[in-house]
């Protein structure tokens, strides 16, 4: 999970650096450049939002799975206790 976050941070930093460099060497007009920056920022925002949703879904799945395992373990413990108590 930490590796995914690290990759996401480096990806975002790379996008920002690439956008900055492209501005320095852009042959387009200011209006065209601003439009392209806005479009790329929107693309990046959508990707980050999608990644965030994916991480939330994974977290929910892991929570549910852990909850199920804990419930099963509690049931086994209760059954064992009842068997010992006779």
PDB file of N, CA and C in Angstrom:
ATOM      1  N   UNK A   1       0.829  -1.173   0.000  1.00  0.00           N
ATOM      2  CA  UNK A   1       0.000   0.000   0.000  1.00  0.00           C
ATOM      3  C   UNK A   1       0.880   1.246   0.000  1.00  0.00           C
ATOM      4  N   UNK A   2       1.920   1.255   0.834  1.00  0.00           N
ATOM      5  CA  UNK A   2       2.829   2.398   0.887  1.00  0.00           C
ATOM      6  C   UNK A   2       3.556   2.561  -0.435  1.00  0.00           C
ATOM      7  N   UNK A   3       3.850   1.452  -1.086  1.00  0.00           N
ATOM      8  CA  UNK A   3       4.524   1.504  -2.375  1.00  0.00           C
ATOM      9  C   UNK A   3       3.640   2.188  -3.413  1.00  0.00           C
ATOM     10  N   UNK A   4       2.324   1.900  -3.375  1.00  0.00           N
ATOM     11  CA  UNK A   4       1.399   2.543  -4.303  1.00  0.00           C
ATOM     12  C   UNK A   4       1.351   4.043  -4.066  1.00  0.00           C
ATOM     13  N   UNK A   5       1.331   4.447  -2.802  1.00  0.00           N
ATOM     14  CA  UNK A   5       1.311   5.878  -2.483  1.00  0.00           C
ATOM     15  C   UNK A   5       2.594   6.551  -2.946  1.00  0.00           C
ATOM     16  N   UNK A   6       3.721   5.883  -2.764  1.00  0.00           N
ATOM     17  CA  UNK A   6       4.996   6.437  -3.197  1.00  0.00           C
ATOM     18  C   UNK A   6       5.017   6.600  -4.713  1.00  0.00           C
ATOM     19  N   UNK A   7       4.526   5.590  -5.407  1.00  0.00           N
ATOM     20  CA  UNK A   7       4.474   5.674  -6.870  1.00  0.00           C
ATOM     21  C   UNK A   7       3.575   6.809  -7.326  1.00  0.00           C
ATOM     22  N   UNK A   8       2.449   6.985  -6.639  1.00  0.00           N
ATOM     23  CA  UNK A   8       1.518   8.044  -6.984  1.00  0.00           C
ATOM     24  C   UNK A   8       2.155   9.415  -6.776  1.00  0.00           C
ATOM     25  N   UNK A   9       2.888   9.572  -5.696  1.00  0.00           N
ATOM     26  CA  UNK A   9       3.568  10.843  -5.428  1.00  0.00           C
ATOM     27  C   UNK A   9       4.605  11.134  -6.504  1.00  0.00           C
ATOM     28  N   UNK A  10       5.410  10.119  -6.852  1.00  0.00           N
ATOM     29  CA  UNK A  10       6.427  10.320  -7.885  1.00  0.00           C
ATOM     30  C   UNK A  10       5.786  10.582  -9.250  1.00  0.00           C
ATOM     31  N   UNK A  11       4.675   9.913  -9.533  1.00  0.00           N
ATOM     32  CA  UNK A  11       3.974  10.160 -10.787  1.00  0.00           C
ATOM     33  C   UNK A  11       3.491  11.605 -10.851  1.00  0.00           C
ATOM     34  N   UNK A  12       2.879  12.070  -9.765  1.00  0.00           N
ATOM     35  CA  UNK A  12       2.379  13.438  -9.717  1.00  0.00           C
ATOM     36  C   UNK A  12       3.519  14.442  -9.858  1.00  0.00           C
ATOM     37  N   UNK A  13       4.624  14.185  -9.195  1.00  0.00           N
ATOM     38  CA  UNK A  13       5.783  15.077  -9.312  1.00  0.00           C
ATOM     39  C   UNK A  13       6.305  15.085 -10.747  1.00  0.00           C
ATOM     40  N   UNK A  14       6.327  13.925 -11.379  1.00  0.00           N
ATOM     41  CA  UNK A  14       6.775  13.845 -12.772  1.00  0.00           C
ATOM     42  C   UNK A  14       5.867  14.615 -13.709  1.00  0.00           C
ATOM     43  N   UNK A  15       4.563  14.527 -13.469  1.00  0.00           N
ATOM     44  CA  UNK A  15       3.612  15.275 -14.299  1.00  0.00           C
ATOM     45  C   UNK A  15       3.842  16.772 -14.138  1.00  0.00           C
ATOM     46  N   UNK A  16       4.015  17.209 -12.904  1.00  0.00           N
ATOM     47  CA  UNK A  16       4.236  18.638 -12.661  1.00  0.00           C
ATOM     48  C   UNK A  16       5.532  19.116 -13.315  1.00  0.00           C
ATOM     49  N   UNK A  17       6.588  18.317 -13.195  1.00  0.00           N
ATOM     50  CA  UNK A  17       7.861  18.683 -13.810  1.00  0.00           C
ATOM     51  C   UNK A  17       7.747  18.718 -15.332  1.00  0.00           C
ATOM     52  N   UNK A  18       7.083  17.714 -15.879  1.00  0.00           N
ATOM     53  CA  UNK A  18       6.896  17.678 -17.332  1.00  0.00           C
ATOM     54  C   UNK A  18       6.091  18.865 -17.829  1.00  0.00           C
ATOM     55  N   UNK A  19       5.062  19.238 -17.095  1.00  0.00           N
ATOM     56  CA  UNK A  19       4.252  20.390 -17.489  1.00  0.00           C
ATOM     57  C   UNK A  19       5.072  21.675 -17.436  1.00  0.00           C
ATOM     58  N   UNK A  20       5.899  21.809 -16.426  1.00  0.00           N
ATOM     59  CA  UNK A  20       6.738  23.001 -16.298  1.00  0.00           C
ATOM     60  C   UNK A  20       7.728  23.094 -17.447  1.00  0.00           C
ATOM     61  N   UNK A  21       8.376  21.991 -17.753  1.00  0.00           N
ATOM     62  CA  UNK A  21       9.350  21.988 -18.850  1.00  0.00           C
ATOM     63  C   UNK A  21       8.659  22.269 -20.179  1.00  0.00           C
ATOM     64  N   UNK A  22       7.486  21.696 -20.375  1.00  0.00           N
ATOM     65  CA  UNK A  22       6.777  21.930 -21.637  1.00  0.00           C
ATOM     66  C   UNK A  22       6.400  23.394 -21.793  1.00  0.00           C
ATOM     67  N   UNK A  23       6.113  24.067 -20.686  1.00  0.00           N
ATOM     68  CA  UNK A  23       5.803  25.497 -20.763  1.00  0.00           C
ATOM     69  C   UNK A  23       7.015  26.303 -21.235  1.00  0.00           C
ATOM     70  N   UNK A  24       8.190  25.904 -20.777  1.00  0.00           N
ATOM     71  CA  UNK A  24       9.393  26.642 -21.147  1.00  0.00           C
ATOM     72  C   UNK A  24       9.696  26.526 -22.635  1.00  0.00           C
ATOM     73  N   UNK A  25       9.355  25.395 -23.221  1.00  0.00           N
ATOM     74  CA  UNK A  25       9.685  25.157 -24.620  1.00  0.00           C
ATOM     75  C   UNK A  25       8.456  25.144 -25.529  1.00  0.00           C
ATOM     76  N   UNK A  26       7.325  25.598 -25.031  1.00  0.00           N
ATOM     77  CA  UNK A  26       6.081  25.554 -25.801  1.00  0.00           C
ATOM     78  C   UNK A  26       6.094  26.555 -26.945  1.00  0.00           C
ATOM     79  N   UNK A  27       5.826  26.085 -28.153  1.00  0.00           N
ATOM     80  CA  UNK A  27       5.757  26.999 -29.299  1.00  0.00           C
ATOM     81  C   UNK A  27       4.364  27.596 -29.466  1.00  0.00           C
ATOM     82  N   UNK A  28       3.415  27.235 -28.622  1.00  0.00           N
ATOM     83  CA  UNK A  28       2.038  27.688 -28.759  1.00  0.00           C
ATOM     84  C   UNK A  28       1.832  29.043 -28.115  1.00  0.00           C
ATOM     85  N   UNK A  29       0.678  29.640 -28.427  1.00  0.00           N
ATOM     86  CA  UNK A  29       0.324  30.919 -27.812  1.00  0.00           C
ATOM     87  C   UNK A  29      -0.020  30.698 -26.339  1.00  0.00           C
ATOM     88  N   UNK A  30      -0.090  31.772 -25.600  1.00  0.00           N
ATOM     89  CA  UNK A  30      -0.427  31.684 -24.183  1.00  0.00           C
ATOM     90  C   UNK A  30      -1.799  31.071 -23.956  1.00  0.00           C
ATOM     91  N   UNK A  31      -2.761  31.456 -24.783  1.00  0.00           N
ATOM     92  CA  UNK A  31      -4.116  30.920 -24.635  1.00  0.00           C
ATOM     93  C   UNK A  31      -4.135  29.412 -24.882  1.00  0.00           C
ATOM     94  N   UNK A  32      -3.468  28.985 -25.924  1.00  0.00           N
ATOM     95  CA  UNK A  32      -3.402  27.554 -26.241  1.00  0.00           C
ATOM     96  C   UNK A  32      -2.668  26.793 -25.140  1.00  0.00           C
ATOM     97  N   UNK A  33      -1.602  27.360 -24.642  1.00  0.00           N
ATOM     98  CA  UNK A  33      -0.839  26.713 -23.575  1.00  0.00           C
ATOM     99  C   UNK A  33      -1.688  26.577 -22.318  1.00  0.00           C
ATOM    100  N   UNK A  34      -2.417  27.630 -21.948  1.00  0.00           N
ATOM    101  CA  UNK A  34      -3.277  27.575 -20.765  1.00  0.00           C
ATOM    102  C   UNK A  34      -4.377  26.523 -20.932  1.00  0.00           C
ATOM    103  N   UNK A  35      -4.931  26.413 -22.130  1.00  0.00           N
ATOM    104  CA  UNK A  35      -5.959  25.413 -22.390  1.00  0.00           C
ATOM    105  C   UNK A  35      -5.382  24.015 -22.228  1.00  0.00           C
ATOM    106  N   UNK A  36      -4.190  23.799 -22.763  1.00  0.00           N
ATOM    107  CA  UNK A  36      -3.559  22.484 -22.650  1.00  0.00           C
ATOM    108  C   UNK A  36      -3.232  22.149 -21.191  1.00  0.00           C
ATOM    109  N   UNK A  37      -2.763  23.152 -20.441  1.00  0.00           N
ATOM    110  CA  UNK A  37      -2.474  22.925 -19.018  1.00  0.00           C
ATOM    111  C   UNK A  37      -3.759  22.559 -18.279  1.00  0.00           C
ATOM    112  N   UNK A  38      -4.827  23.289 -18.560  1.00  0.00           N
ATOM    113  CA  UNK A  38      -6.108  23.009 -17.918  1.00  0.00           C
ATOM    114  C   UNK A  38      -6.579  21.591 -18.249  1.00  0.00           C
ATOM    115  N   UNK A  39      -6.463  21.200 -19.515  1.00  0.00           N
ATOM    116  CA  UNK A  39      -6.873  19.854 -19.922  1.00  0.00           C
ATOM    117  C   UNK A  39      -6.044  18.779 -19.227  1.00  0.00           C
ATOM    118  N   UNK A  40      -4.744  18.985 -19.183  1.00  0.00           N
ATOM    119  CA  UNK A  40      -3.871  18.002 -18.533  1.00  0.00           C
ATOM    120  C   UNK A  40      -4.132  17.951 -17.022  1.00  0.00           C
ATOM    121  N   UNK A  41      -4.387  19.091 -16.417  1.00  0.00           N
ATOM    122  CA  UNK A  41      -4.697  19.114 -14.982  1.00  0.00           C
ATOM    123  C   UNK A  41      -5.986  18.348 -14.717  1.00  0.00           C
ATOM    124  N   UNK A  42      -6.976  18.524 -15.582  1.00  0.00           N
ATOM    125  CA  UNK A  42      -8.232  17.785 -15.417  1.00  0.00           C
ATOM    126  C   UNK A  42      -8.010  16.280 -15.585  1.00  0.00           C
ATOM    127  N   UNK A  43      -7.186  15.894 -16.549  1.00  0.00           N
ATOM    128  CA  UNK A  43      -6.873  14.474 -16.728  1.00  0.00           C
ATOM    129  C   UNK A  43      -6.199  13.911 -15.476  1.00  0.00           C
ATOM    130  N   UNK A  44      -5.229  14.651 -14.957  1.00  0.00           N
ATOM    131  CA  UNK A  44      -4.524  14.213 -13.754  1.00  0.00           C
ATOM    132  C   UNK A  44      -5.463  14.105 -12.567  1.00  0.00           C
ATOM    133  N   UNK A  45      -6.352  15.061 -12.425  1.00  0.00           N
ATOM    134  CA  UNK A  45      -7.322  15.046 -11.329  1.00  0.00           C
ATOM    135  C   UNK A  45      -8.230  13.825 -11.436  1.00  0.00           C
ATOM    136  N   UNK A  46      -8.674  13.508 -12.651  1.00  0.00           N
ATOM    137  CA  UNK A  46      -9.533  12.339 -12.838  1.00  0.00           C
ATOM    138  C   UNK A  46      -8.786  11.046 -12.510  1.00  0.00           C
ATOM    139  N   UNK A  47      -7.524  10.960 -12.921  1.00  0.00           N
ATOM    140  CA  UNK A  47      -6.737   9.765 -12.614  1.00  0.00           C
ATOM    141  C   UNK A  47      -6.528   9.612 -11.113  1.00  0.00           C
ATOM    142  N   UNK A  48      -6.197  10.725 -10.442  1.00  0.00           N
ATOM    143  CA  UNK A  48      -6.004  10.674  -8.994  1.00  0.00           C
ATOM    144  C   UNK A  48      -7.297  10.309  -8.274  1.00  0.00           C
ATOM    145  N   UNK A  49      -8.390  10.850  -8.747  1.00  0.00           N
ATOM    146  CA  UNK A  49      -9.685  10.551  -8.146  1.00  0.00           C
ATOM    147  C   UNK A  49     -10.017   9.072  -8.322  1.00  0.00           C
ATOM    148  N   UNK A  50      -9.768   8.548  -9.513  1.00  0.00           N
ATOM    149  CA  UNK A  50     -10.007   7.125  -9.766  1.00  0.00           C
ATOM    150  C   UNK A  50      -9.134   6.243  -8.902  1.00  0.00           C
ATOM    151  N   UNK A  51      -7.877   6.632  -8.746  1.00  0.00           N
ATOM    152  CA  UNK A  51      -6.961   5.861  -7.901  1.00  0.00           C
ATOM    153  C   UNK A  51      -7.429   5.901  -6.450  1.00  0.00           C
ATOM    154  N   UNK A  52      -7.906   7.049  -6.008  1.00  0.00           N
ATOM    155  CA  UNK A  52      -8.424   7.167  -4.652  1.00  0.00           C
ATOM    156  C   UNK A  52      -9.628   6.263  -4.429  1.00  0.00           C
ATOM    157  N   UNK A  53     -10.519   6.225  -5.418  1.00  0.00           N
ATOM    158  CA  UNK A  53     -11.679   5.333  -5.304  1.00  0.00           C
ATOM    159  C   UNK A  53     -11.236   3.879  -5.255  1.00  0.00           C
ATOM    160  N   UNK A  54     -10.255   3.526  -6.078  1.00  0.00           N
ATOM    161  CA  UNK A  54      -9.746   2.148  -6.079  1.00  0.00           C
ATOM    162  C   UNK A  54      -9.159   1.790  -4.711  1.00  0.00           C
ATOM    163  N   UNK A  55      -8.390   2.713  -4.132  1.00  0.00           N
ATOM    164  CA  UNK A  55      -7.802   2.461  -2.814  1.00  0.00           C
ATOM    165  C   UNK A  55      -8.878   2.318  -1.744  1.00  0.00           C
ATOM    166  N   UNK A  56      -9.926   3.128  -1.825  1.00  0.00           N
ATOM    167  CA  UNK A  56     -11.029   3.015  -0.866  1.00  0.00           C
ATOM    168  C   UNK A  56     -11.720   1.662  -1.004  1.00  0.00           C
ATOM    169  N   UNK A  57     -11.942   1.218  -2.240  1.00  0.00           N
ATOM    170  CA  UNK A  57     -12.574  -0.077  -2.463  1.00  0.00           C
ATOM    171  C   UNK A  57     -11.706  -1.209  -1.911  1.00  0.00           C
ATOM    172  N   UNK A  58     -10.408  -1.121  -2.136  1.00  0.00           N
ATOM    173  CA  UNK A  58      -9.500  -2.144  -1.604  1.00  0.00           C
ATOM    174  C   UNK A  58      -9.532  -2.145  -0.080  1.00  0.00           C
ATOM    175  N   UNK A  59      -9.564  -0.971   0.515  1.00  0.00           N
ATOM    176  CA  UNK A  59      -9.625  -0.862   1.970  1.00  0.00           C
ATOM    177  C   UNK A  59     -10.906  -1.474   2.526  1.00  0.00           C
ATOM    178  N   UNK A  60     -12.017  -1.186   1.867  1.00  0.00           N
ATOM    179  CA  UNK A  60     -13.291  -1.762   2.303  1.00  0.00           C
ATOM    180  C   UNK A  60     -13.263  -3.281   2.191  1.00  0.00           C
ATOM    181  N   UNK A  61     -12.728  -3.770   1.092  1.00  0.00           N
ATOM    182  CA  UNK A  61     -12.645  -5.217   0.879  1.00  0.00           C
ATOM    183  C   UNK A  61     -11.795  -5.866   1.973  1.00  0.00           C
ATOM    184  N   UNK A  62     -10.632  -5.285   2.259  1.00  0.00           N
ATOM    185  CA  UNK A  62      -9.773  -5.837   3.299  1.00  0.00           C
ATOM    186  C   UNK A  62     -10.435  -5.769   4.672  1.00  0.00           C
ATOM    187  N   UNK A  63     -11.139  -4.691   4.952  1.00  0.00           N
ATOM    188  CA  UNK A  63     -11.844  -4.560   6.222  1.00  0.00           C
ATOM    189  C   UNK A  63     -12.908  -5.653   6.350  1.00  0.00           C
ATOM    190  N   UNK A  64     -13.699  -5.822   5.293  1.00  0.00           N
ATOM    191  CA  UNK A  64     -14.749  -6.845   5.317  1.00  0.00           C
ATOM    192  C   UNK A  64     -14.169  -8.238   5.495  1.00  0.00           C
ATOM    193  N   UNK A  65     -13.074  -8.514   4.799  1.00  0.00           N
ATOM    194  CA  UNK A  65     -12.439  -9.820   4.910  1.00  0.00           C
ATOM    195  C   UNK A  65     -11.904 -10.039   6.330  1.00  0.00           C
ATOM    196  N   UNK A  66     -11.273  -9.033   6.902  1.00  0.00           N
ATOM    197  CA  UNK A  66     -10.769  -9.131   8.271  1.00  0.00           C
ATOM    198  C   UNK A  66     -11.898  -9.310   9.269  1.00  0.00           C
ATOM    199  N   UNK A  67     -12.983  -8.596   9.045  1.00  0.00           N
ATOM    200  CA  UNK A  67     -14.157  -8.719   9.925  1.00  0.00           C
ATOM    201  C   UNK A  67     -14.708 -10.139   9.877  1.00  0.00           C
ATOM    202  N   UNK A  68     -14.793 -10.702   8.668  1.00  0.00           N
ATOM    203  CA  UNK A  68     -15.293 -12.062   8.499  1.00  0.00           C
ATOM    204  C   UNK A  68     -14.383 -13.068   9.218  1.00  0.00           C
ATOM    205  N   UNK A  69     -13.085 -12.907   9.077  1.00  0.00           N
ATOM    206  CA  UNK A  69     -12.135 -13.810   9.737  1.00  0.00           C
ATOM    207  C   UNK A  69     -12.264 -13.692  11.259  1.00  0.00           C
ATOM    208  N   UNK A  70     -12.400 -12.469  11.757  1.00  0.00           N
ATOM    209  CA  UNK A  70     -12.553 -12.264  13.200  1.00  0.00           C
ATOM    210  C   UNK A  70     -13.845 -12.907  13.707  1.00  0.00           C
ATOM    211  N   UNK A  71     -14.931 -12.767  12.954  1.00  0.00           N
ATOM    212  CA  UNK A  71     -16.199 -13.380  13.344  1.00  0.00           C
ATOM    213  C   UNK A  71     -16.091 -14.906  13.374  1.00  0.00           C
ATOM    214  N   UNK A  72     -15.433 -15.465  12.357  1.00  0.00           N
ATOM    215  CA  UNK A  72     -15.249 -16.917  12.318  1.00  0.00           C
ATOM    216  C   UNK A  72     -14.390 -17.386  13.486  1.00  0.00           C
ATOM    217  N   UNK A  73     -13.357 -16.641  13.809  1.00  0.00           N
ATOM    218  CA  UNK A  73     -12.491 -17.008  14.933  1.00  0.00           C
ATOM    219  C   UNK A  73     -13.270 -16.944  16.250  1.00  0.00           C
ATOM    220  N   UNK A  74     -14.117 -15.946  16.417  1.00  0.00           N
ATOM    221  CA  UNK A  74     -14.931 -15.822  17.632  1.00  0.00           C
ATOM    222  C   UNK A  74     -15.899 -16.999  17.736  1.00  0.00           C
ATOM    223  N   UNK A  75     -16.495 -17.389  16.600  1.00  0.00           N
ATOM    224  CA  UNK A  75     -17.398 -18.547  16.612  1.00  0.00           C
ATOM    225  C   UNK A  75     -16.660 -19.819  17.003  1.00  0.00           C
ATOM    226  N   UNK A  76     -15.484 -20.015  16.448  1.00  0.00           N
ATOM    227  CA  UNK A  76     -14.695 -21.201  16.797  1.00  0.00           C
ATOM    228  C   UNK A  76     -14.312 -21.194  18.276  1.00  0.00           C
ATOM    229  N   UNK A  77     -13.953 -20.038  18.780  1.00  0.00           N
ATOM    230  CA  UNK A  77     -13.608 -19.923  20.194  1.00  0.00           C
ATOM    231  C   UNK A  77     -14.798 -20.286  21.071  1.00  0.00           C
ATOM    232  N   UNK A  78     -15.984 -19.759  20.728  1.00  0.00           N
ATOM    233  CA  UNK A  78     -17.186 -20.068  21.500  1.00  0.00           C
ATOM    234  C   UNK A  78     -17.524 -21.554  21.444  1.00  0.00           C
ATOM    235  N   UNK A  79     -17.408 -22.140  20.262  1.00  0.00           N
ATOM    236  CA  UNK A  79     -17.684 -23.567  20.142  1.00  0.00           C
ATOM    237  C   UNK A  79     -16.704 -24.399  20.985  1.00  0.00           C
ATOM    238  N   UNK A  80     -15.445 -24.024  20.957  1.00  0.00           N
ATOM    239  CA  UNK A  80     -14.434 -24.717  21.750  1.00  0.00           C
ATOM    240  C   UNK A  80     -14.695 -24.582  23.243  1.00  0.00           C
ATOM    241  N   UNK A  81     -15.071 -23.384  23.647  1.00  0.00           N
ATOM    242  CA  UNK A  81     -15.370 -23.141  25.071  1.00  0.00           C
ATOM    243  C   UNK A  81     -16.560 -23.991  25.523  1.00  0.00           C
ATOM    244  N   UNK A  82     -17.596 -24.050  24.688  1.00  0.00           N
ATOM    245  CA  UNK A  82     -18.780 -24.853  25.035  1.00  0.00           C
ATOM    246  C   UNK A  82     -18.432 -26.340  25.128  1.00  0.00           C
ATOM    247  N   UNK A  83     -17.531 -26.779  24.232  1.00  0.00           N
ATOM    248  CA  UNK A  83     -17.137 -28.186  24.268  1.00  0.00           C
ATOM    249  C   UNK A  83     -16.368 -28.500  25.560  1.00  0.00           C
ATOM    250  N   UNK A  84     -15.516 -27.588  25.980  1.00  0.00           N
ATOM    251  CA  UNK A  84     -14.731 -27.799  27.193  1.00  0.00           C
ATOM    252  C   UNK A  84     -15.639 -27.755  28.419  1.00  0.00           C
ATOM    253  N   UNK A  85     -16.593 -26.832  28.423  1.00  0.00           N
ATOM    254  CA  UNK A  85     -17.503 -26.695  29.560  1.00  0.00           C
ATOM    255  C   UNK A  85     -18.476 -27.876  29.634  1.00  0.00           C
ATOM    256  N   UNK A  86     -18.696 -28.515  28.513  1.00  0.00           N
ATOM    257  CA  UNK A  86     -19.464 -29.746  28.447  1.00  0.00           C
ATOM    258  C   UNK A  86     -20.898 -29.584  28.475  1.00  0.00           C
TER     259      UNK A  86
END
